[in-house]
Amino acid sequence: MSSIGGGGGVSSSPPLPPKADQEEDASNIAALLDFVRGKITEGDKTNALAALLHAVRLTQGEDKIVEVIEVAKRNIAAMESHSEQEELEEARLALHHVLQGGSVLAEEGDAQILHDAFVDGSSVVCKKCSGLVARSRWDNHVEFWCVDAAGGEEEEDV
């Protein structure tokens, strides 16, 4: 005869680990999540995801891994889309600035040349000086011409 809630019955849930083990697990998970945050900050997406999946495996089980991967994919796609939109807006603002007299060509009435360079992708915008620079001359621009090239400027595609 089995008793409900008594000592001799069969329980459907596994026994809880001792409280000390639960606290150690929580501490390990917290450390793992700190590691994930650090890897994200460093731009190391692969190791961040691997550590996050390990934390999920420990806390929620193997069956939740696929769900977490799908959520991560959606979040990454949304972030990349937002980043591309921001870069495009920066490029539009730079183009507007250059075409409104921010260059010798624009001042002389040859703004179409600048516009074409933006559109065809043969040039990039320098984030430091807002100059429009031919891709083939990028290294020389950073090394010799940019008014604020300290720190290794990255080019921005337009």
C-alpha atoms as a PDB file:
ATOM      1  CA  MET A   1       0.000   0.000   0.000  1.00  0.00           C
ATOM      2  CA  SER A   2       1.404   3.365  -0.897  1.00  0.00           C
ATOM      3  CA  SER A   3       0.883   6.470   1.105  1.00  0.00           C
ATOM      4  CA  ILE A   4       0.473   9.935  -0.299  1.00  0.00           C
ATOM      5  CA  GLY A   5       3.155  12.312   0.885  1.00  0.00           C
ATOM      6  CA  GLY A   6       4.427   9.704   3.312  1.00  0.00           C
ATOM      7  CA  GLY A   7       7.629   7.771   3.492  1.00  0.00           C
ATOM      8  CA  GLY A   8       6.766   4.670   1.449  1.00  0.00           C
ATOM      9  CA  GLY A   9       5.288   6.151  -1.740  1.00  0.00           C
ATOM     10  CA  VAL A  10       6.920   6.586  -5.132  1.00  0.00           C
ATOM     11  CA  SER A  11       7.635  10.196  -6.012  1.00  0.00           C
ATOM     12  CA  SER A  12       7.563  11.422  -9.604  1.00  0.00           C
ATOM     13  CA  SER A  13      10.062  14.254  -9.030  1.00  0.00           C
ATOM     14  CA  PRO A  14      13.753  13.648  -8.366  1.00  0.00           C
ATOM     15  CA  PRO A  15      15.064  14.405  -4.897  1.00  0.00           C
ATOM     16  CA  LEU A  16      16.439  17.913  -4.450  1.00  0.00           C
ATOM     17  CA  PRO A  17      20.193  18.214  -4.019  1.00  0.00           C
ATOM     18  CA  PRO A  18      21.460  19.472  -0.671  1.00  0.00           C
ATOM     19  CA  LYS A  19      21.322  23.253  -0.205  1.00  0.00           C
ATOM     20  CA  ALA A  20      25.139  23.579  -0.341  1.00  0.00           C
ATOM     21  CA  ASP A  21      25.142  21.943  -3.803  1.00  0.00           C
ATOM     22  CA  GLN A  22      22.396  24.304  -4.992  1.00  0.00           C
ATOM     23  CA  GLU A  23      24.392  27.338  -3.830  1.00  0.00           C
ATOM     24  CA  GLU A  24      27.535  26.041  -5.533  1.00  0.00           C
ATOM     25  CA  ASP A  25      25.577  25.429  -8.757  1.00  0.00           C
ATOM     26  CA  ALA A  26      24.137  28.962  -8.613  1.00  0.00           C
ATOM     27  CA  SER A  27      27.619  30.374  -8.088  1.00  0.00           C
ATOM     28  CA  ASN A  28      28.983  28.352 -11.017  1.00  0.00           C
ATOM     29  CA  ILE A  29      26.140  29.514 -13.279  1.00  0.00           C
ATOM     30  CA  ALA A  30      26.712  33.137 -12.250  1.00  0.00           C
ATOM     31  CA  ALA A  31      30.421  32.783 -13.042  1.00  0.00           C
ATOM     32  CA  LEU A  32      29.574  31.194 -16.382  1.00  0.00           C
ATOM     33  CA  LEU A  33      27.223  34.055 -17.268  1.00  0.00           C
ATOM     34  CA  ASP A  34      29.907  36.591 -16.289  1.00  0.00           C
ATOM     35  CA  PHE A  35      32.243  34.740 -18.651  1.00  0.00           C
ATOM     36  CA  VAL A  36      29.589  34.968 -21.398  1.00  0.00           C
ATOM     37  CA  ARG A  37      29.239  38.737 -20.875  1.00  0.00           C
ATOM     38  CA  GLY A  38      33.019  39.152 -21.044  1.00  0.00           C
ATOM     39  CA  LYS A  39      33.244  37.203 -24.285  1.00  0.00           C
ATOM     40  CA  ILE A  40      30.435  39.265 -25.797  1.00  0.00           C
ATOM     41  CA  THR A  41      32.252  42.463 -24.792  1.00  0.00           C
ATOM     42  CA  GLU A  42      35.441  41.130 -26.411  1.00  0.00           C
ATOM     43  CA  GLY A  43      33.499  40.300 -29.572  1.00  0.00           C
ATOM     44  CA  ASP A  44      34.154  36.573 -29.147  1.00  0.00           C
ATOM     45  CA  LYS A  45      30.682  35.382 -30.174  1.00  0.00           C
ATOM     46  CA  THR A  46      31.648  31.736 -30.609  1.00  0.00           C
ATOM     47  CA  ASN A  47      32.934  31.205 -27.081  1.00  0.00           C
ATOM     48  CA  ALA A  48      30.144  33.355 -25.636  1.00  0.00           C
ATOM     49  CA  LEU A  49      27.539  31.149 -27.299  1.00  0.00           C
ATOM     50  CA  ALA A  50      29.309  27.948 -26.257  1.00  0.00           C
ATOM     51  CA  ALA A  51      29.388  29.079 -22.612  1.00  0.00           C
ATOM     52  CA  LEU A  52      25.771  30.220 -22.751  1.00  0.00           C
ATOM     53  CA  LEU A  53      24.684  26.857 -24.148  1.00  0.00           C
ATOM     54  CA  HIS A  54      26.604  25.122 -21.374  1.00  0.00           C
ATOM     55  CA  ALA A  55      24.769  27.253 -18.798  1.00  0.00           C
ATOM     56  CA  VAL A  56      21.435  26.366 -20.429  1.00  0.00           C
ATOM     57  CA  ARG A  57      22.345  22.692 -20.445  1.00  0.00           C
ATOM     58  CA  LEU A  58      23.160  22.832 -16.722  1.00  0.00           C
ATOM     59  CA  THR A  59      20.075  24.785 -15.694  1.00  0.00           C
ATOM     60  CA  GLN A  60      17.340  23.757 -18.125  1.00  0.00           C
ATOM     61  CA  GLY A  61      18.481  20.572 -19.790  1.00  0.00           C
ATOM     62  CA  GLU A  62      19.609  19.462 -23.206  1.00  0.00           C
ATOM     63  CA  ASP A  63      16.155  19.873 -24.784  1.00  0.00           C
ATOM     64  CA  LYS A  64      16.258  23.680 -24.377  1.00  0.00           C
ATOM     65  CA  ILE A  65      19.459  24.086 -26.424  1.00  0.00           C
ATOM     66  CA  VAL A  66      17.727  24.261 -29.819  1.00  0.00           C
ATOM     67  CA  GLU A  67      15.244  26.840 -28.512  1.00  0.00           C
ATOM     68  CA  VAL A  68      18.063  29.039 -27.196  1.00  0.00           C
ATOM     69  CA  ILE A  69      19.954  28.788 -30.489  1.00  0.00           C
ATOM     70  CA  GLU A  70      16.850  29.914 -32.408  1.00  0.00           C
ATOM     71  CA  VAL A  71      16.351  32.899 -30.084  1.00  0.00           C
ATOM     72  CA  ALA A  72      20.049  33.806 -30.425  1.00  0.00           C
ATOM     73  CA  LYS A  73      19.790  33.685 -34.235  1.00  0.00           C
ATOM     74  CA  ARG A  74      16.789  36.028 -34.213  1.00  0.00           C
ATOM     75  CA  ASN A  75      18.531  38.459 -31.840  1.00  0.00           C
ATOM     76  CA  ILE A  76      21.733  38.501 -33.882  1.00  0.00           C
ATOM     77  CA  ALA A  77      19.788  39.111 -37.100  1.00  0.00           C
ATOM     78  CA  ALA A  78      17.921  41.998 -35.473  1.00  0.00           C
ATOM     79  CA  MET A  79      21.147  43.525 -34.108  1.00  0.00           C
ATOM     80  CA  GLU A  80      22.918  43.248 -37.473  1.00  0.00           C
ATOM     81  CA  SER A  81      19.975  44.821 -39.250  1.00  0.00           C
ATOM     82  CA  HIS A  82      19.931  47.697 -36.758  1.00  0.00           C
ATOM     83  CA  SER A  83      23.704  48.166 -37.108  1.00  0.00           C
ATOM     84  CA  GLU A  84      23.463  48.265 -40.911  1.00  0.00           C
ATOM     85  CA  GLN A  85      20.670  50.836 -40.689  1.00  0.00           C
ATOM     86  CA  GLU A  86      22.792  53.017 -38.373  1.00  0.00           C
ATOM     87  CA  GLU A  87      25.772  52.818 -40.732  1.00  0.00           C
ATOM     88  CA  LEU A  88      23.586  53.701 -43.696  1.00  0.00           C
ATOM     89  CA  GLU A  89      22.196  56.722 -41.835  1.00  0.00           C
ATOM     90  CA  GLU A  90      25.747  57.853 -40.940  1.00  0.00           C
ATOM     91  CA  ALA A  91      26.707  57.555 -44.609  1.00  0.00           C
ATOM     92  CA  ARG A  92      23.669  59.592 -45.670  1.00  0.00           C
ATOM     93  CA  LEU A  93      24.571  62.328 -43.183  1.00  0.00           C
ATOM     94  CA  ALA A  94      28.176  62.368 -44.399  1.00  0.00           C
ATOM     95  CA  LEU A  95      27.030  62.568 -48.013  1.00  0.00           C
ATOM     96  CA  HIS A  96      24.707  65.444 -47.159  1.00  0.00           C
ATOM     97  CA  HIS A  97      27.562  67.274 -45.391  1.00  0.00           C
ATOM     98  CA  VAL A  98      29.980  66.776 -48.277  1.00  0.00           C
ATOM     99  CA  LEU A  99      27.422  67.770 -50.913  1.00  0.00           C
ATOM    100  CA  GLN A 100      26.485  70.921 -48.976  1.00  0.00           C
ATOM    101  CA  GLY A 101      29.917  72.460 -49.398  1.00  0.00           C
ATOM    102  CA  GLY A 102      32.099  70.310 -47.213  1.00  0.00           C
ATOM    103  CA  SER A 103      34.530  69.761 -50.097  1.00  0.00           C
ATOM    104  CA  VAL A 104      36.282  71.613 -52.885  1.00  0.00           C
ATOM    105  CA  LEU A 105      34.335  69.712 -55.558  1.00  0.00           C
ATOM    106  CA  ALA A 106      31.008  70.659 -54.015  1.00  0.00           C
ATOM    107  CA  GLU A 107      32.085  74.284 -53.677  1.00  0.00           C
ATOM    108  CA  GLU A 108      33.036  74.341 -57.383  1.00  0.00           C
ATOM    109  CA  GLY A 109      29.711  72.872 -58.450  1.00  0.00           C
ATOM    110  CA  ASP A 110      30.972  69.348 -59.159  1.00  0.00           C
ATOM    111  CA  ALA A 111      28.972  67.632 -56.400  1.00  0.00           C
ATOM    112  CA  GLN A 112      27.768  64.961 -58.840  1.00  0.00           C
ATOM    113  CA  ILE A 113      31.278  63.456 -58.858  1.00  0.00           C
ATOM    114  CA  LEU A 114      31.050  63.030 -55.075  1.00  0.00           C
ATOM    115  CA  HIS A 115      27.555  61.614 -55.307  1.00  0.00           C
ATOM    116  CA  ASP A 116      28.667  59.061 -57.896  1.00  0.00           C
ATOM    117  CA  ALA A 117      31.622  58.006 -55.725  1.00  0.00           C
ATOM    118  CA  PHE A 118      29.230  57.356 -52.848  1.00  0.00           C
ATOM    119  CA  VAL A 119      26.787  55.422 -54.984  1.00  0.00           C
ATOM    120  CA  ASP A 120      29.207  53.168 -56.878  1.00  0.00           C
ATOM    121  CA  GLY A 121      31.073  52.080 -53.740  1.00  0.00           C
ATOM    122  CA  SER A 122      34.506  53.050 -55.043  1.00  0.00           C
ATOM    123  CA  SER A 123      34.997  55.339 -52.045  1.00  0.00           C
ATOM    124  CA  VAL A 124      34.563  55.170 -48.296  1.00  0.00           C
ATOM    125  CA  VAL A 125      33.840  57.739 -45.621  1.00  0.00           C
ATOM    126  CA  CYS A 126      36.508  58.357 -43.002  1.00  0.00           C
ATOM    127  CA  LYS A 127      34.791  58.409 -39.607  1.00  0.00           C
ATOM    128  CA  LYS A 128      37.509  60.672 -38.181  1.00  0.00           C
ATOM    129  CA  CYS A 129      37.482  63.510 -40.687  1.00  0.00           C
ATOM    130  CA  SER A 130      34.277  62.785 -42.672  1.00  0.00           C
ATOM    131  CA  GLY A 131      36.358  62.792 -45.851  1.00  0.00           C
ATOM    132  CA  LEU A 132      35.374  60.804 -48.903  1.00  0.00           C
ATOM    133  CA  VAL A 133      38.362  58.627 -49.796  1.00  0.00           C
ATOM    134  CA  ALA A 134      38.917  56.290 -52.742  1.00  0.00           C
ATOM    135  CA  ARG A 135      39.261  52.724 -51.468  1.00  0.00           C
ATOM    136  CA  SER A 136      42.559  52.387 -53.298  1.00  0.00           C
ATOM    137  CA  ARG A 137      43.949  55.380 -51.348  1.00  0.00           C
ATOM    138  CA  TRP A 138      42.597  54.447 -47.920  1.00  0.00           C
ATOM    139  CA  ASP A 139      45.944  53.437 -46.375  1.00  0.00           C
ATOM    140  CA  ASN A 140      47.637  56.637 -47.587  1.00  0.00           C
ATOM    141  CA  HIS A 141      44.738  58.711 -46.269  1.00  0.00           C
ATOM    142  CA  VAL A 142      45.049  57.231 -42.800  1.00  0.00           C
ATOM    143  CA  GLU A 143      48.830  57.390 -42.758  1.00  0.00           C
ATOM    144  CA  PHE A 144      49.427  60.833 -44.292  1.00  0.00           C
ATOM    145  CA  TRP A 145      46.308  62.911 -44.899  1.00  0.00           C
ATOM    146  CA  CYS A 146      43.631  62.375 -42.260  1.00  0.00           C
ATOM    147  CA  VAL A 147      43.589  65.201 -39.751  1.00  0.00           C
ATOM    148  CA  ASP A 148      42.817  62.758 -36.924  1.00  0.00           C
ATOM    149  CA  ALA A 149      44.185  59.358 -37.934  1.00  0.00           C
ATOM    150  CA  ALA A 150      45.648  58.334 -34.564  1.00  0.00           C
ATOM    151  CA  GLY A 151      44.369  54.969 -33.414  1.00  0.00           C
ATOM    152  CA  GLY A 152      43.981  53.112 -36.701  1.00  0.00           C
ATOM    153  CA  GLU A 153      40.785  54.261 -38.353  1.00  0.00           C
ATOM    154  CA  GLU A 154      38.476  51.686 -39.891  1.00  0.00           C
ATOM    155  CA  GLU A 155      36.841  52.408 -43.180  1.00  0.00           C
ATOM    156  CA  GLU A 156      33.085  52.717 -43.541  1.00  0.00           C
ATOM    157  CA  ASP A 157      31.508  51.265 -46.649  1.00  0.00           C
ATOM    158  CA  VAL A 158      29.133  53.504 -48.494  1.00  0.00           C
END
